[in-house]
Amino acid sequence: MSFWTYVSNRHQQLLTDAFQHASAVFQCMVLATVIGVLIGVLTYRSEWAGNLAVTSTSAILTIPSLALIGLLIPILGLGVPPTVTSLTLYGLLPVVRNSIVGLRGVDSTLVDAAKGIGMSRIARLLKVELPLAWPPILTGIRVSTQMLMGIAAIAAYASGPGLGNEIFRGIASLGSANALNEVLSGTLGIIILALLFDAAYVGIGRLTIPRGIRA
């Protein structure tokens, strides 16, 4: 069976797997973004705290994804819980690092001016610092998303959702008629999703970052 015939025959299942894959990555990126930006906000003013945050989240990336999911299975079981936990943890580093870099890069004179007109600490953070730090934060989110697209395929090891199931089925049945088609369809599906997500981030950047800042 040719690849395109295989895709045509299984397009409904492939679309379902693609939707689940995209949904898992999106939801985990929302969690990683909220947690990562919060960590950045809490640590960027202190050199040692910022370094500790970056080092800690960097250490998570040194754990092989298959090993981390395997360690989580006895604790969280199979399916969605270990998938969400592992993907969220892996997505933290670029968001944390870029949040700290972005917040530290805000012009102090602008912060002082906001303070001078009576803005509170929270108001300065929400209305001055975070908006100016948004471009590097968005870059961190883009990098995290691209990483998670590939890592999410490993979630199939824990009966997680997504296109990784196609890849694992193909690998498990190497030598069969459709083994290569299964691996190829899962891999190409992940690449297409990664490109679509990145295009969406480019659009978000154009809508949310003033042209002067982009330049």
N, C-alpha and C. Protein backbone atom coordinates (compact mmCIF):
# COMPACT_ATOMS: atom_id res chain seq x y z
N MET A 1 0.84 -1.19 0.00
CA MET A 1 0.00 0.00 0.00
C MET A 1 0.88 1.25 0.00
N SER A 2 0.59 2.19 -0.90
CA SER A 2 1.37 3.42 -0.95
C SER A 2 1.06 4.30 0.26
N PHE A 3 1.96 5.26 0.51
CA PHE A 3 1.77 6.15 1.65
C PHE A 3 0.48 6.93 1.54
N TRP A 4 0.20 7.48 0.37
CA TRP A 4 -0.99 8.32 0.21
C TRP A 4 -2.27 7.50 0.31
N THR A 5 -2.20 6.26 -0.13
CA THR A 5 -3.36 5.38 0.03
C THR A 5 -3.60 5.10 1.51
N TYR A 6 -2.51 4.88 2.24
CA TYR A 6 -2.62 4.63 3.68
C TYR A 6 -3.23 5.85 4.37
N VAL A 7 -2.75 7.02 4.04
CA VAL A 7 -3.28 8.25 4.65
C VAL A 7 -4.75 8.43 4.32
N SER A 8 -5.12 8.15 3.08
CA SER A 8 -6.52 8.29 2.67
C SER A 8 -7.42 7.32 3.42
N ASN A 9 -6.95 6.11 3.63
CA ASN A 9 -7.76 5.11 4.31
C ASN A 9 -7.89 5.38 5.81
N ARG A 10 -6.87 6.03 6.39
CA ARG A 10 -6.86 6.24 7.83
C ARG A 10 -6.93 7.73 8.20
N HIS A 11 -7.42 8.55 7.29
CA HIS A 11 -7.38 9.99 7.52
C HIS A 11 -8.17 10.41 8.77
N GLN A 12 -9.27 9.72 9.05
CA GLN A 12 -10.07 10.09 10.21
C GLN A 12 -9.30 9.86 11.51
N GLN A 13 -8.64 8.71 11.63
CA GLN A 13 -7.85 8.42 12.81
C GLN A 13 -6.65 9.35 12.92
N LEU A 14 -6.03 9.65 11.78
CA LEU A 14 -4.88 10.55 11.79
C LEU A 14 -5.29 11.96 12.23
N LEU A 15 -6.44 12.41 11.78
CA LEU A 15 -6.93 13.73 12.19
C LEU A 15 -7.22 13.75 13.69
N THR A 16 -7.81 12.67 14.18
CA THR A 16 -8.09 12.58 15.62
C THR A 16 -6.81 12.62 16.42
N ASP A 17 -5.81 11.83 16.00
CA ASP A 17 -4.52 11.82 16.69
C ASP A 17 -3.85 13.19 16.62
N ALA A 18 -3.95 13.85 15.45
CA ALA A 18 -3.34 15.17 15.29
C ALA A 18 -4.01 16.19 16.22
N PHE A 19 -5.33 16.13 16.32
CA PHE A 19 -6.05 17.05 17.21
C PHE A 19 -5.64 16.82 18.66
N GLN A 20 -5.57 15.55 19.06
CA GLN A 20 -5.17 15.23 20.44
C GLN A 20 -3.74 15.68 20.72
N HIS A 21 -2.87 15.51 19.73
CA HIS A 21 -1.47 15.91 19.87
C HIS A 21 -1.39 17.43 20.05
N ALA A 22 -2.07 18.17 19.18
CA ALA A 22 -2.05 19.63 19.25
C ALA A 22 -2.68 20.12 20.55
N SER A 23 -3.76 19.49 20.96
CA SER A 23 -4.44 19.89 22.19
C SER A 23 -3.55 19.67 23.40
N ALA A 24 -2.86 18.54 23.45
CA ALA A 24 -1.98 18.25 24.59
C ALA A 24 -0.85 19.26 24.66
N VAL A 25 -0.23 19.56 23.51
CA VAL A 25 0.87 20.52 23.49
C VAL A 25 0.37 21.91 23.88
N PHE A 26 -0.77 22.31 23.35
CA PHE A 26 -1.31 23.64 23.65
C PHE A 26 -1.61 23.79 25.14
N GLN A 27 -2.29 22.82 25.71
CA GLN A 27 -2.64 22.91 27.13
C GLN A 27 -1.40 22.90 28.02
N CYS A 28 -0.42 22.08 27.67
CA CYS A 28 0.80 22.04 28.47
C CYS A 28 1.60 23.33 28.32
N MET A 29 1.56 23.95 27.13
CA MET A 29 2.25 25.21 26.95
C MET A 29 1.59 26.33 27.74
N VAL A 30 0.27 26.30 27.85
CA VAL A 30 -0.42 27.29 28.67
C VAL A 30 0.05 27.16 30.13
N LEU A 31 0.08 25.92 30.63
CA LEU A 31 0.56 25.69 32.00
C LEU A 31 2.02 26.11 32.16
N ALA A 32 2.87 25.71 31.20
CA ALA A 32 4.29 26.04 31.28
C ALA A 32 4.51 27.55 31.21
N THR A 33 3.70 28.23 30.41
CA THR A 33 3.84 29.69 30.29
C THR A 33 3.45 30.39 31.58
N VAL A 34 2.32 30.00 32.16
CA VAL A 34 1.89 30.61 33.41
C VAL A 34 2.91 30.37 34.52
N ILE A 35 3.34 29.11 34.66
CA ILE A 35 4.30 28.78 35.71
C ILE A 35 5.65 29.44 35.43
N GLY A 36 6.10 29.38 34.17
CA GLY A 36 7.41 29.93 33.82
C GLY A 36 7.49 31.44 34.01
N VAL A 37 6.46 32.16 33.57
CA VAL A 37 6.45 33.62 33.74
C VAL A 37 6.39 33.98 35.23
N LEU A 38 5.59 33.21 35.99
CA LEU A 38 5.51 33.47 37.43
C LEU A 38 6.87 33.27 38.10
N ILE A 39 7.57 32.20 37.72
CA ILE A 39 8.91 31.97 38.27
C ILE A 39 9.83 33.12 37.88
N GLY A 40 9.73 33.56 36.63
CA GLY A 40 10.55 34.68 36.18
C GLY A 40 10.28 35.95 36.97
N VAL A 41 9.00 36.24 37.20
CA VAL A 41 8.62 37.43 37.95
C VAL A 41 9.16 37.37 39.38
N LEU A 42 9.13 36.19 39.97
CA LEU A 42 9.56 36.04 41.37
C LEU A 42 11.08 36.05 41.53
N THR A 43 11.82 35.78 40.46
CA THR A 43 13.27 35.59 40.61
C THR A 43 14.14 36.58 39.85
N TYR A 44 13.59 37.37 38.93
CA TYR A 44 14.45 38.17 38.05
C TYR A 44 15.21 39.27 38.78
N ARG A 45 14.72 39.73 39.92
CA ARG A 45 15.40 40.81 40.65
C ARG A 45 16.62 40.32 41.43
N SER A 46 16.69 39.02 41.66
CA SER A 46 17.81 38.46 42.43
C SER A 46 18.68 37.61 41.52
N GLU A 47 19.99 37.90 41.53
CA GLU A 47 20.91 37.17 40.66
C GLU A 47 20.93 35.69 41.00
N TRP A 48 21.05 35.36 42.28
CA TRP A 48 21.15 33.95 42.66
C TRP A 48 19.83 33.23 42.44
N ALA A 49 18.70 33.91 42.72
CA ALA A 49 17.40 33.25 42.52
C ALA A 49 17.14 32.99 41.04
N GLY A 50 17.50 33.97 40.19
CA GLY A 50 17.34 33.77 38.76
C GLY A 50 18.20 32.64 38.25
N ASN A 51 19.45 32.59 38.70
CA ASN A 51 20.35 31.50 38.29
C ASN A 51 19.83 30.15 38.77
N LEU A 52 19.29 30.12 39.99
CA LEU A 52 18.75 28.87 40.53
C LEU A 52 17.56 28.40 39.70
N ALA A 53 16.69 29.33 39.30
CA ALA A 53 15.52 28.98 38.50
C ALA A 53 15.92 28.41 37.15
N VAL A 54 16.89 29.06 36.50
CA VAL A 54 17.35 28.59 35.19
C VAL A 54 18.07 27.25 35.33
N THR A 55 18.91 27.11 36.33
CA THR A 55 19.64 25.85 36.53
C THR A 55 18.68 24.70 36.82
N SER A 56 17.68 24.97 37.65
CA SER A 56 16.73 23.90 38.03
C SER A 56 15.93 23.44 36.82
N THR A 57 15.44 24.38 36.03
CA THR A 57 14.66 23.99 34.85
C THR A 57 15.55 23.39 33.77
N SER A 58 16.82 23.80 33.73
CA SER A 58 17.76 23.18 32.79
C SER A 58 18.00 21.72 33.16
N ALA A 59 18.07 21.45 34.47
CA ALA A 59 18.32 20.09 34.93
C ALA A 59 17.21 19.14 34.49
N ILE A 60 15.98 19.66 34.40
CA ILE A 60 14.86 18.82 33.98
C ILE A 60 15.08 18.32 32.55
N LEU A 61 15.64 19.18 31.70
CA LEU A 61 15.86 18.80 30.30
C LEU A 61 16.94 17.75 30.14
N THR A 62 17.76 17.55 31.16
CA THR A 62 18.79 16.51 31.06
C THR A 62 18.21 15.11 31.28
N ILE A 63 17.00 15.04 31.80
CA ILE A 63 16.35 13.74 32.03
C ILE A 63 15.75 13.25 30.71
N PRO A 64 16.15 12.10 30.21
CA PRO A 64 15.54 11.58 28.97
C PRO A 64 14.01 11.49 29.11
N SER A 65 13.31 11.91 28.07
CA SER A 65 11.85 11.97 28.15
C SER A 65 11.23 10.61 28.45
N LEU A 66 11.78 9.56 27.85
CA LEU A 66 11.25 8.22 28.09
C LEU A 66 11.44 7.83 29.56
N ALA A 67 12.58 8.22 30.13
CA ALA A 67 12.85 7.89 31.53
C ALA A 67 11.92 8.67 32.46
N LEU A 68 11.69 9.95 32.15
CA LEU A 68 10.82 10.76 33.01
C LEU A 68 9.39 10.23 33.01
N ILE A 69 8.90 9.90 31.82
CA ILE A 69 7.54 9.36 31.74
C ILE A 69 7.47 8.02 32.46
N GLY A 70 8.53 7.21 32.31
CA GLY A 70 8.56 5.93 33.01
C GLY A 70 8.55 6.09 34.52
N LEU A 71 9.21 7.12 35.02
CA LEU A 71 9.22 7.38 36.46
C LEU A 71 7.87 7.89 36.95
N LEU A 72 7.15 8.59 36.08
CA LEU A 72 5.86 9.16 36.48
C LEU A 72 4.72 8.13 36.45
N ILE A 73 4.87 7.08 35.65
CA ILE A 73 3.79 6.11 35.51
C ILE A 73 3.41 5.46 36.84
N PRO A 74 4.37 5.01 37.67
CA PRO A 74 3.96 4.40 38.96
C PRO A 74 3.24 5.38 39.88
N ILE A 75 3.52 6.68 39.70
CA ILE A 75 2.93 7.70 40.57
C ILE A 75 1.58 8.18 40.04
N LEU A 76 1.53 8.46 38.73
CA LEU A 76 0.34 9.08 38.14
C LEU A 76 -0.49 8.14 37.28
N GLY A 77 0.04 6.95 37.00
CA GLY A 77 -0.68 6.02 36.15
C GLY A 77 -0.41 6.29 34.68
N LEU A 78 -1.22 5.68 33.83
CA LEU A 78 -1.06 5.83 32.38
C LEU A 78 -1.99 6.92 31.84
N GLY A 79 -1.71 7.34 30.60
CA GLY A 79 -2.61 8.26 29.92
C GLY A 79 -2.23 9.72 30.06
N VAL A 80 -3.21 10.57 30.34
CA VAL A 80 -3.04 12.02 30.31
C VAL A 80 -2.15 12.55 31.44
N PRO A 81 -2.32 12.11 32.72
CA PRO A 81 -1.55 12.74 33.82
C PRO A 81 -0.04 12.75 33.62
N PRO A 82 0.61 11.60 33.30
CA PRO A 82 2.06 11.67 33.10
C PRO A 82 2.46 12.48 31.86
N THR A 83 1.57 12.48 30.86
CA THR A 83 1.84 13.26 29.64
C THR A 83 1.87 14.74 29.96
N VAL A 84 0.83 15.23 30.62
CA VAL A 84 0.73 16.65 30.96
C VAL A 84 1.87 17.07 31.88
N THR A 85 2.15 16.26 32.88
CA THR A 85 3.21 16.60 33.84
C THR A 85 4.56 16.70 33.17
N SER A 86 4.91 15.71 32.37
CA SER A 86 6.23 15.70 31.74
C SER A 86 6.37 16.83 30.72
N LEU A 87 5.35 17.04 29.90
CA LEU A 87 5.43 18.10 28.90
C LEU A 87 5.52 19.48 29.54
N THR A 88 4.77 19.69 30.60
CA THR A 88 4.82 20.99 31.28
C THR A 88 6.20 21.24 31.87
N LEU A 89 6.78 20.21 32.47
CA LEU A 89 8.12 20.35 33.05
C LEU A 89 9.16 20.65 31.97
N TYR A 90 9.06 19.95 30.84
CA TYR A 90 10.02 20.16 29.76
C TYR A 90 9.86 21.54 29.12
N GLY A 91 8.66 22.09 29.18
CA GLY A 91 8.41 23.39 28.54
C GLY A 91 8.84 24.59 29.36
N LEU A 92 9.30 24.37 30.59
CA LEU A 92 9.58 25.50 31.49
C LEU A 92 10.84 26.29 31.12
N LEU A 93 11.93 25.62 30.78
CA LEU A 93 13.22 26.30 30.67
C LEU A 93 13.21 27.52 29.74
N PRO A 94 12.81 27.40 28.47
CA PRO A 94 12.86 28.59 27.61
C PRO A 94 11.98 29.73 28.11
N VAL A 95 10.83 29.39 28.70
CA VAL A 95 9.93 30.43 29.20
C VAL A 95 10.54 31.12 30.41
N VAL A 96 11.06 30.34 31.36
CA VAL A 96 11.68 30.92 32.55
C VAL A 96 12.88 31.78 32.17
N ARG A 97 13.75 31.24 31.36
CA ARG A 97 14.98 31.96 30.99
C ARG A 97 14.65 33.25 30.25
N ASN A 98 13.75 33.19 29.27
CA ASN A 98 13.42 34.38 28.51
C ASN A 98 12.62 35.40 29.32
N SER A 99 11.83 34.91 30.28
CA SER A 99 11.11 35.84 31.16
C SER A 99 12.10 36.64 32.00
N ILE A 100 13.09 35.95 32.56
CA ILE A 100 14.10 36.63 33.37
C ILE A 100 14.91 37.60 32.52
N VAL A 101 15.34 37.14 31.36
CA VAL A 101 16.13 38.01 30.46
C VAL A 101 15.30 39.22 30.03
N GLY A 102 14.04 38.98 29.66
CA GLY A 102 13.19 40.08 29.21
C GLY A 102 12.92 41.10 30.31
N LEU A 103 12.62 40.63 31.50
CA LEU A 103 12.32 41.54 32.60
C LEU A 103 13.56 42.31 33.04
N ARG A 104 14.71 41.66 33.03
CA ARG A 104 15.94 42.36 33.39
C ARG A 104 16.35 43.36 32.31
N GLY A 105 15.89 43.16 31.10
CA GLY A 105 16.27 44.06 30.01
C GLY A 105 15.39 45.29 29.88
N VAL A 106 14.35 45.39 30.69
CA VAL A 106 13.49 46.57 30.63
C VAL A 106 14.26 47.80 31.10
N ASP A 107 14.14 48.87 30.34
CA ASP A 107 14.85 50.11 30.68
C ASP A 107 14.42 50.60 32.07
N SER A 108 15.40 50.74 32.96
CA SER A 108 15.09 51.15 34.33
C SER A 108 14.51 52.55 34.41
N THR A 109 14.83 53.40 33.44
CA THR A 109 14.29 54.76 33.46
C THR A 109 12.77 54.75 33.25
N LEU A 110 12.29 53.79 32.46
CA LEU A 110 10.85 53.68 32.24
C LEU A 110 10.16 53.21 33.52
N VAL A 111 10.79 52.28 34.22
CA VAL A 111 10.23 51.79 35.48
C VAL A 111 10.22 52.92 36.51
N ASP A 112 11.31 53.68 36.56
CA ASP A 112 11.38 54.81 37.50
C ASP A 112 10.34 55.86 37.18
N ALA A 113 10.11 56.10 35.88
CA ALA A 113 9.10 57.08 35.49
C ALA A 113 7.71 56.63 35.92
N ALA A 114 7.44 55.33 35.75
CA ALA A 114 6.15 54.80 36.18
C ALA A 114 6.01 54.90 37.69
N LYS A 115 7.09 54.65 38.39
CA LYS A 115 7.07 54.79 39.86
C LYS A 115 6.85 56.24 40.25
N GLY A 116 7.46 57.15 39.48
CA GLY A 116 7.34 58.56 39.79
C GLY A 116 5.94 59.11 39.65
N ILE A 117 5.12 58.51 38.78
CA ILE A 117 3.75 59.00 38.61
C ILE A 117 2.78 58.26 39.53
N GLY A 118 3.34 57.47 40.46
CA GLY A 118 2.51 56.87 41.50
C GLY A 118 2.01 55.47 41.23
N MET A 119 2.54 54.80 40.21
CA MET A 119 2.10 53.43 39.92
C MET A 119 2.63 52.48 40.97
N SER A 120 1.79 51.55 41.40
CA SER A 120 2.21 50.57 42.40
C SER A 120 3.14 49.54 41.77
N ARG A 121 3.76 48.71 42.61
CA ARG A 121 4.67 47.67 42.13
C ARG A 121 3.96 46.73 41.16
N ILE A 122 2.75 46.31 41.51
CA ILE A 122 2.00 45.39 40.65
C ILE A 122 1.62 46.08 39.35
N ALA A 123 1.21 47.35 39.43
CA ALA A 123 0.83 48.09 38.23
C ALA A 123 2.03 48.26 37.31
N ARG A 124 3.20 48.55 37.86
CA ARG A 124 4.40 48.69 37.03
C ARG A 124 4.73 47.37 36.34
N LEU A 125 4.57 46.28 37.09
CA LEU A 125 4.87 44.97 36.51
C LEU A 125 3.92 44.65 35.36
N LEU A 126 2.63 44.86 35.59
CA LEU A 126 1.62 44.47 34.60
C LEU A 126 1.54 45.42 33.41
N LYS A 127 1.76 46.72 33.65
CA LYS A 127 1.55 47.71 32.59
C LYS A 127 2.83 48.18 31.92
N VAL A 128 3.98 47.96 32.55
CA VAL A 128 5.23 48.43 31.98
C VAL A 128 6.20 47.28 31.70
N GLU A 129 6.57 46.55 32.76
CA GLU A 129 7.64 45.57 32.63
C GLU A 129 7.25 44.37 31.78
N LEU A 130 6.13 43.72 32.09
CA LEU A 130 5.74 42.53 31.33
C LEU A 130 5.45 42.86 29.86
N PRO A 131 4.74 43.95 29.53
CA PRO A 131 4.55 44.26 28.11
C PRO A 131 5.86 44.47 27.36
N LEU A 132 6.84 45.14 27.99
CA LEU A 132 8.12 45.35 27.33
C LEU A 132 8.94 44.07 27.26
N ALA A 133 8.71 43.16 28.20
CA ALA A 133 9.43 41.87 28.20
C ALA A 133 8.73 40.83 27.34
N TRP A 134 7.57 41.14 26.79
CA TRP A 134 6.78 40.16 26.04
C TRP A 134 7.50 39.59 24.82
N PRO A 135 8.24 40.38 24.01
CA PRO A 135 8.90 39.77 22.84
C PRO A 135 9.81 38.60 23.18
N PRO A 136 10.75 38.73 24.14
CA PRO A 136 11.56 37.54 24.46
C PRO A 136 10.75 36.43 25.11
N ILE A 137 9.72 36.79 25.88
CA ILE A 137 8.88 35.74 26.47
C ILE A 137 8.19 34.94 25.37
N LEU A 138 7.67 35.64 24.36
CA LEU A 138 7.01 34.95 23.24
C LEU A 138 8.00 34.06 22.49
N THR A 139 9.23 34.52 22.35
CA THR A 139 10.26 33.69 21.72
C THR A 139 10.49 32.41 22.52
N GLY A 140 10.52 32.54 23.84
CA GLY A 140 10.67 31.36 24.68
C GLY A 140 9.51 30.39 24.52
N ILE A 141 8.31 30.93 24.41
CA ILE A 141 7.12 30.09 24.21
C ILE A 141 7.22 29.35 22.88
N ARG A 142 7.68 30.03 21.85
CA ARG A 142 7.83 29.39 20.53
C ARG A 142 8.83 28.25 20.60
N VAL A 143 9.97 28.49 21.25
CA VAL A 143 10.99 27.44 21.36
C VAL A 143 10.45 26.25 22.15
N SER A 144 9.75 26.52 23.25
CA SER A 144 9.19 25.44 24.06
C SER A 144 8.20 24.61 23.26
N THR A 145 7.36 25.30 22.50
CA THR A 145 6.34 24.59 21.72
C THR A 145 6.96 23.65 20.71
N GLN A 146 8.01 24.11 20.02
CA GLN A 146 8.67 23.24 19.04
C GLN A 146 9.28 22.02 19.73
N MET A 147 9.86 22.20 20.91
CA MET A 147 10.42 21.07 21.65
C MET A 147 9.32 20.08 22.03
N LEU A 148 8.23 20.62 22.56
CA LEU A 148 7.17 19.75 23.06
C LEU A 148 6.48 18.98 21.94
N MET A 149 6.45 19.53 20.74
CA MET A 149 5.85 18.81 19.62
C MET A 149 6.51 17.45 19.42
N GLY A 150 7.84 17.44 19.50
CA GLY A 150 8.56 16.17 19.35
C GLY A 150 8.48 15.30 20.58
N ILE A 151 8.64 15.92 21.76
CA ILE A 151 8.62 15.15 23.00
C ILE A 151 7.26 14.51 23.23
N ALA A 152 6.19 15.18 22.80
CA ALA A 152 4.83 14.66 23.02
C ALA A 152 4.63 13.30 22.36
N ALA A 153 5.41 13.01 21.32
CA ALA A 153 5.28 11.70 20.66
C ALA A 153 5.65 10.57 21.61
N ILE A 154 6.58 10.84 22.56
CA ILE A 154 7.01 9.82 23.51
C ILE A 154 5.89 9.46 24.48
N ALA A 155 4.89 10.35 24.60
CA ALA A 155 3.78 10.10 25.53
C ALA A 155 3.02 8.83 25.18
N ALA A 156 3.13 8.39 23.95
CA ALA A 156 2.46 7.14 23.56
C ALA A 156 2.97 5.96 24.38
N TYR A 157 4.19 6.07 24.88
CA TYR A 157 4.75 5.02 25.75
C TYR A 157 3.89 4.83 26.99
N ALA A 158 3.26 5.92 27.45
CA ALA A 158 2.40 5.86 28.64
C ALA A 158 0.93 5.88 28.26
N SER A 159 0.63 5.40 27.05
CA SER A 159 -0.75 5.40 26.53
C SER A 159 -1.32 6.81 26.45
N GLY A 160 -0.44 7.78 26.23
CA GLY A 160 -0.87 9.16 26.07
C GLY A 160 -1.45 9.41 24.70
N PRO A 161 -2.10 10.56 24.52
CA PRO A 161 -2.74 10.87 23.24
C PRO A 161 -1.74 11.42 22.23
N GLY A 162 -2.12 11.36 20.95
CA GLY A 162 -1.32 12.05 19.95
C GLY A 162 -0.78 11.16 18.85
N LEU A 163 -0.01 11.79 17.98
CA LEU A 163 0.54 11.11 16.80
C LEU A 163 1.66 10.13 17.15
N GLY A 164 2.14 10.18 18.38
CA GLY A 164 3.15 9.22 18.79
C GLY A 164 2.65 7.79 18.72
N ASN A 165 1.34 7.62 18.85
CA ASN A 165 0.77 6.27 18.75
C ASN A 165 1.02 5.66 17.37
N GLU A 166 0.93 6.48 16.33
CA GLU A 166 1.23 6.00 14.97
C GLU A 166 2.68 5.57 14.88
N ILE A 167 3.57 6.39 15.42
CA ILE A 167 5.00 6.08 15.35
C ILE A 167 5.33 4.82 16.13
N PHE A 168 4.80 4.69 17.33
CA PHE A 168 5.08 3.51 18.15
C PHE A 168 4.51 2.25 17.51
N ARG A 169 3.30 2.35 16.92
CA ARG A 169 2.74 1.16 16.25
C ARG A 169 3.62 0.73 15.09
N GLY A 170 4.11 1.72 14.34
CA GLY A 170 4.98 1.39 13.21
C GLY A 170 6.27 0.73 13.65
N ILE A 171 6.88 1.29 14.71
CA ILE A 171 8.14 0.73 15.22
C ILE A 171 7.91 -0.68 15.76
N ALA A 172 6.77 -0.90 16.43
CA ALA A 172 6.48 -2.22 17.01
C ALA A 172 6.21 -3.27 15.95
N SER A 173 5.83 -2.83 14.75
CA SER A 173 5.50 -3.80 13.69
C SER A 173 6.44 -3.69 12.50
N LEU A 174 7.70 -3.33 12.77
CA LEU A 174 8.68 -3.21 11.68
C LEU A 174 8.74 -4.51 10.88
N GLY A 175 8.72 -4.34 9.57
CA GLY A 175 8.71 -5.49 8.68
C GLY A 175 7.34 -5.77 8.10
N SER A 176 6.30 -5.23 8.73
CA SER A 176 4.95 -5.41 8.20
C SER A 176 4.71 -4.44 7.05
N ALA A 177 3.60 -4.62 6.36
CA ALA A 177 3.33 -3.85 5.15
C ALA A 177 3.22 -2.35 5.40
N ASN A 178 2.60 -1.96 6.52
CA ASN A 178 2.33 -0.54 6.76
C ASN A 178 3.20 0.08 7.84
N ALA A 179 4.23 -0.62 8.28
CA ALA A 179 5.06 -0.10 9.37
C ALA A 179 5.67 1.26 9.01
N LEU A 180 6.26 1.34 7.82
CA LEU A 180 6.89 2.59 7.40
C LEU A 180 5.86 3.69 7.23
N ASN A 181 4.69 3.34 6.69
CA ASN A 181 3.63 4.33 6.51
C ASN A 181 3.16 4.91 7.85
N GLU A 182 3.08 4.06 8.87
CA GLU A 182 2.65 4.52 10.19
C GLU A 182 3.67 5.49 10.79
N VAL A 183 4.94 5.12 10.72
CA VAL A 183 5.98 6.00 11.26
C VAL A 183 6.03 7.31 10.49
N LEU A 184 5.94 7.22 9.18
CA LEU A 184 6.04 8.42 8.33
C LEU A 184 4.84 9.34 8.54
N SER A 185 3.64 8.77 8.64
CA SER A 185 2.46 9.62 8.81
C SER A 185 2.49 10.34 10.16
N GLY A 186 2.92 9.64 11.21
CA GLY A 186 3.04 10.28 12.52
C GLY A 186 4.08 11.37 12.53
N THR A 187 5.23 11.10 11.90
CA THR A 187 6.32 12.08 11.87
C THR A 187 5.94 13.32 11.07
N LEU A 188 5.39 13.12 9.88
CA LEU A 188 4.99 14.26 9.05
C LEU A 188 3.87 15.06 9.72
N GLY A 189 2.98 14.37 10.40
CA GLY A 189 1.90 15.06 11.10
C GLY A 189 2.44 16.00 12.17
N ILE A 190 3.45 15.53 12.91
CA ILE A 190 4.06 16.36 13.96
C ILE A 190 4.77 17.56 13.34
N ILE A 191 5.47 17.35 12.22
CA ILE A 191 6.15 18.47 11.55
C ILE A 191 5.15 19.51 11.08
N ILE A 192 4.04 19.07 10.51
CA ILE A 192 3.02 20.00 10.02
C ILE A 192 2.42 20.79 11.19
N LEU A 193 2.12 20.11 12.28
CA LEU A 193 1.58 20.80 13.46
C LEU A 193 2.57 21.83 14.00
N ALA A 194 3.86 21.47 14.03
CA ALA A 194 4.88 22.41 14.52
C ALA A 194 4.92 23.66 13.66
N LEU A 195 4.83 23.48 12.34
CA LEU A 195 4.84 24.63 11.44
C LEU A 195 3.59 25.50 11.61
N LEU A 196 2.45 24.87 11.81
CA LEU A 196 1.20 25.62 12.01
C LEU A 196 1.25 26.41 13.32
N PHE A 197 1.75 25.79 14.38
CA PHE A 197 1.87 26.50 15.66
C PHE A 197 2.82 27.68 15.54
N ASP A 198 3.94 27.47 14.84
CA ASP A 198 4.91 28.55 14.71
C ASP A 198 4.33 29.70 13.90
N ALA A 199 3.57 29.37 12.86
CA ALA A 199 2.91 30.43 12.08
C ALA A 199 1.92 31.21 12.94
N ALA A 200 1.23 30.49 13.82
CA ALA A 200 0.29 31.16 14.73
C ALA A 200 1.03 32.11 15.67
N TYR A 201 2.20 31.69 16.15
CA TYR A 201 2.97 32.55 17.04
C TYR A 201 3.47 33.80 16.31
N VAL A 202 3.84 33.63 15.05
CA VAL A 202 4.25 34.80 14.25
C VAL A 202 3.09 35.80 14.16
N GLY A 203 1.89 35.27 13.94
CA GLY A 203 0.71 36.14 13.89
C GLY A 203 0.44 36.81 15.22
N ILE A 204 0.58 36.06 16.31
CA ILE A 204 0.38 36.64 17.64
C ILE A 204 1.40 37.75 17.88
N GLY A 205 2.64 37.51 17.46
CA GLY A 205 3.68 38.52 17.63
C GLY A 205 3.35 39.80 16.88
N ARG A 206 2.84 39.66 15.67
CA ARG A 206 2.49 40.85 14.88
C ARG A 206 1.33 41.62 15.50
N LEU A 207 0.43 40.90 16.16
CA LEU A 207 -0.72 41.55 16.76
C LEU A 207 -0.42 42.16 18.13
N THR A 208 0.53 41.59 18.85
CA THR A 208 0.74 42.01 20.24
C THR A 208 2.02 42.79 20.48
N ILE A 209 2.94 42.78 19.52
CA ILE A 209 4.20 43.50 19.71
C ILE A 209 4.21 44.73 18.80
N PRO A 210 4.30 45.93 19.35
CA PRO A 210 4.34 47.14 18.54
C PRO A 210 5.49 47.09 17.53
N ARG A 211 5.30 47.69 16.37
CA ARG A 211 6.28 47.61 15.31
C ARG A 211 7.64 48.14 15.76
N GLY A 212 7.65 49.20 16.55
CA GLY A 212 8.91 49.76 17.02
C GLY A 212 9.71 48.80 17.85
N ILE A 213 9.01 48.02 18.69
CA ILE A 213 9.69 47.02 19.52
C ILE A 213 10.18 45.88 18.66
N ARG A 214 9.34 45.45 17.67
CA ARG A 214 9.77 44.36 16.77
C ARG A 214 11.03 44.75 16.03
N ALA A 215 11.10 46.01 15.63
CA ALA A 215 12.28 46.47 14.88
C ALA A 215 13.51 46.48 15.74
